[in-house]
Amino acid sequence: MNLYDDAVLVLKGYEDQAELRQAYLDHLAGHPDGMWKACADGHLTASALVIDPVRGRVLLTLHRKLRMWLQMGGHCEPGDASLEAAALREATEESGITGLTLLPGGPVRLDLHPIPPPCHWHFDVQYAVLAPPDAAHAVSDESLDVRWFPYDEVADVADESVVRLLEATRARSAV
């Protein structure tokens, strides 16, 4: 199974956000290259919120280009076997943490957002990952900073999409 087929399968199995889920599927049906950054009409991305439920905190990155506190994530790459693998790779690369594990159950949320040209839309498939105890993080080339925030401080530093992702993650994981 290739990444495109995996994405279609994952989205068909995702039970929430029905209208948005259909928009993702319609985009892929109309764009065989919709998994890749080169698709100028928009493309799927994979992201993951890094959580430490024991300490009640999330790890966010201060995105170098956007200058916003966000979850880890980015573009799919040809070597990614699945959307889950892409999200886990991005979270590992951007956090510097080894040993992250995906929260079971597939994507936590979908988030469609505009980005500057030449592309126009990111169809983000959002996961959550659990950090191992005493995880040590590092700042990647894509970030200005990486920092842990208590759950109740996320709304003070991040936009609504990150807050919604945290709420959905906490609801799914009961943390």
Protein backbone atom coordinates (compact mmCIF):
# COMPACT_ATOMS: atom_id res chain seq x y z
CA MET A 1 0.00 0.00 0.00
CA ASN A 2 1.38 3.43 -0.88
CA LEU A 3 1.01 6.62 1.14
CA TYR A 4 -1.89 7.93 -0.96
CA ASP A 5 -3.86 4.69 -0.45
CA ASP A 6 -3.06 4.75 3.26
CA ALA A 7 -4.35 8.32 3.53
CA VAL A 8 -7.61 7.45 1.80
CA LEU A 9 -8.06 4.42 4.07
CA VAL A 10 -7.26 6.43 7.21
CA LEU A 11 -9.67 9.20 6.25
CA LYS A 12 -12.46 6.77 5.39
CA GLY A 13 -12.03 5.20 8.82
CA TYR A 14 -11.97 8.52 10.68
CA GLU A 15 -15.41 8.96 12.25
CA ASP A 16 -15.40 12.61 13.31
CA GLN A 17 -15.64 15.90 11.40
CA ALA A 18 -17.67 14.28 8.59
CA GLU A 19 -17.88 17.33 6.31
CA LEU A 20 -14.20 18.15 6.63
CA ARG A 21 -13.23 14.50 6.22
CA GLN A 22 -15.19 14.43 2.95
CA ALA A 23 -13.40 17.59 1.78
CA TYR A 24 -10.07 15.79 2.34
CA LEU A 25 -11.27 12.74 0.41
CA ASP A 26 -12.62 14.92 -2.42
CA HIS A 27 -9.31 16.76 -2.61
CA LEU A 28 -7.38 13.51 -2.89
CA ALA A 29 -9.81 12.15 -5.50
CA GLY A 30 -9.25 15.26 -7.61
CA HIS A 31 -5.51 15.46 -7.00
CA PRO A 32 -3.51 12.24 -7.34
CA ASP A 33 -0.50 14.33 -6.23
CA GLY A 34 -2.40 15.66 -3.17
CA MET A 35 0.01 14.02 -0.74
CA TRP A 36 2.95 16.12 -1.87
CA LYS A 37 4.15 19.68 -1.32
CA ALA A 38 4.34 20.13 -5.10
CA CYS A 39 0.51 20.06 -5.35
CA ALA A 40 -0.18 23.79 -5.60
CA ASP A 41 -3.90 23.42 -4.86
CA GLY A 42 -3.04 22.08 -1.41
CA HIS A 43 -1.70 18.89 0.07
CA LEU A 44 -2.00 16.64 3.07
CA THR A 45 0.35 17.18 5.97
CA ALA A 46 0.83 15.11 9.12
CA SER A 47 1.29 16.54 12.57
CA ALA A 48 1.43 15.31 16.14
CA LEU A 49 0.88 16.92 19.51
CA VAL A 50 3.57 15.69 21.91
CA ILE A 51 2.06 15.15 25.33
CA ASP A 52 3.40 14.19 28.75
CA PRO A 53 0.23 13.08 30.55
CA VAL A 54 2.08 12.29 33.78
CA ARG A 55 3.08 15.93 34.14
CA GLY A 56 0.01 17.37 32.35
CA ARG A 57 1.93 19.20 29.66
CA VAL A 58 2.48 19.48 25.91
CA LEU A 59 5.60 20.20 23.91
CA LEU A 60 5.16 22.97 21.34
CA THR A 61 7.51 24.37 18.75
CA LEU A 62 7.92 28.04 17.96
CA HIS A 63 7.75 27.70 14.18
CA ARG A 64 10.62 29.50 12.48
CA LYS A 65 8.61 30.88 9.52
CA LEU A 66 5.21 31.42 11.14
CA ARG A 67 6.53 32.55 14.53
CA MET A 68 3.67 30.75 16.26
CA TRP A 69 3.62 28.04 18.92
CA LEU A 70 2.38 24.90 17.16
CA GLN A 71 2.36 21.12 17.39
CA MET A 72 5.11 19.28 15.54
CA GLY A 73 4.37 18.45 11.92
CA GLY A 74 4.95 18.96 8.27
CA HIS A 75 5.03 17.56 4.80
CA CYS A 76 4.84 13.91 3.89
CA GLU A 77 7.96 12.43 2.34
CA PRO A 78 8.36 9.60 -0.19
CA GLY A 79 9.86 7.34 2.48
CA ASP A 80 6.80 7.61 4.75
CA ALA A 81 4.89 4.33 4.75
CA SER A 82 1.77 5.87 6.30
CA LEU A 83 0.30 9.08 7.67
CA GLU A 84 1.03 7.78 11.16
CA ALA A 85 4.66 7.22 10.19
CA ALA A 86 4.88 10.74 8.74
CA ALA A 87 3.41 12.28 11.92
CA LEU A 88 5.74 10.25 14.15
CA ARG A 89 8.77 11.14 11.99
CA GLU A 90 7.91 14.84 12.08
CA ALA A 91 7.35 14.79 15.85
CA THR A 92 10.66 13.01 16.42
CA GLU A 93 12.60 15.30 14.08
CA GLU A 94 11.15 18.53 15.42
CA SER A 95 11.19 17.62 19.12
CA GLY A 96 14.48 15.76 19.23
CA ILE A 97 12.80 13.14 21.42
CA THR A 98 13.36 9.47 20.69
CA GLY A 99 10.90 6.87 21.87
CA LEU A 100 7.69 8.77 21.12
CA THR A 101 4.65 6.52 20.77
CA LEU A 102 1.44 7.26 18.91
CA LEU A 103 -1.74 7.57 20.90
CA PRO A 104 -3.87 4.64 19.66
CA GLY A 105 -6.97 5.14 17.57
CA GLY A 106 -5.71 6.99 14.51
CA PRO A 107 -5.99 10.73 13.89
CA VAL A 108 -7.23 12.92 16.71
CA ARG A 109 -8.42 15.77 14.46
CA LEU A 110 -8.34 17.23 10.99
CA ASP A 111 -7.44 20.87 10.43
CA LEU A 112 -7.65 22.61 7.06
CA HIS A 113 -5.79 25.90 7.04
CA PRO A 114 -4.52 28.36 4.44
CA ILE A 115 -0.82 28.86 3.89
CA PRO A 116 1.06 31.42 1.81
CA PRO A 117 1.58 30.84 -1.93
CA PRO A 118 2.80 29.04 -3.95
CA CYS A 119 0.67 26.45 -2.20
CA HIS A 120 -2.67 27.45 -0.79
CA TRP A 121 -3.91 24.85 1.71
CA HIS A 122 -2.62 22.36 4.23
CA PHE A 123 -5.00 19.46 4.81
CA ASP A 124 -3.48 18.54 8.16
CA VAL A 125 -4.10 15.10 9.65
CA GLN A 126 -3.40 15.50 13.36
CA TYR A 127 -2.22 12.79 15.71
CA ALA A 128 -1.01 12.76 19.31
CA VAL A 129 2.14 11.12 20.62
CA LEU A 130 3.18 10.25 24.13
CA ALA A 131 6.59 11.34 25.34
CA PRO A 132 8.61 8.85 27.38
CA PRO A 133 9.31 9.73 31.02
CA ASP A 134 12.02 12.38 31.42
CA ALA A 135 12.18 12.99 27.65
CA ALA A 136 14.90 15.43 26.62
CA HIS A 137 13.92 17.71 23.76
CA ALA A 138 16.02 19.75 21.33
CA VAL A 139 15.43 22.68 19.00
CA SER A 140 15.48 21.69 15.32
CA ASP A 141 16.40 23.87 12.33
CA GLU A 142 12.68 24.42 11.71
CA SER A 143 12.11 25.97 15.13
CA LEU A 144 13.11 29.05 17.05
CA ASP A 145 12.34 27.29 20.33
CA VAL A 146 10.76 24.13 21.72
CA ARG A 147 9.11 24.28 25.12
CA TRP A 148 6.82 22.36 27.47
CA PHE A 149 3.58 24.08 28.44
CA PRO A 150 1.10 22.97 31.12
CA TYR A 151 -2.27 22.08 29.60
CA ASP A 152 -3.91 25.15 31.12
CA GLU A 153 -1.36 27.54 29.54
CA VAL A 154 -1.72 26.37 25.93
CA ALA A 155 -4.60 28.75 25.17
CA ASP A 156 -2.39 31.67 26.28
CA VAL A 157 0.38 30.91 23.77
CA ALA A 158 -1.13 28.96 20.87
CA ASP A 159 -3.95 29.52 18.40
CA GLU A 160 -7.36 27.86 18.45
CA SER A 161 -6.30 24.94 16.24
CA VAL A 162 -3.73 23.84 18.83
CA VAL A 163 -6.23 24.33 21.65
CA ARG A 164 -8.80 22.16 19.81
CA LEU A 165 -6.15 19.50 19.18
CA LEU A 166 -5.22 19.46 22.87
CA GLU A 167 -8.90 19.22 23.89
CA ALA A 168 -9.50 16.33 21.49
CA THR A 169 -6.33 14.59 22.65
CA ARG A 170 -7.28 14.92 26.29
CA ALA A 171 -10.79 13.64 25.58
CA ARG A 172 -9.42 10.61 23.76
CA SER A 173 -6.71 9.79 26.28
CA ALA A 174 -8.60 10.85 29.42
CA VAL A 175 -5.65 12.93 30.65
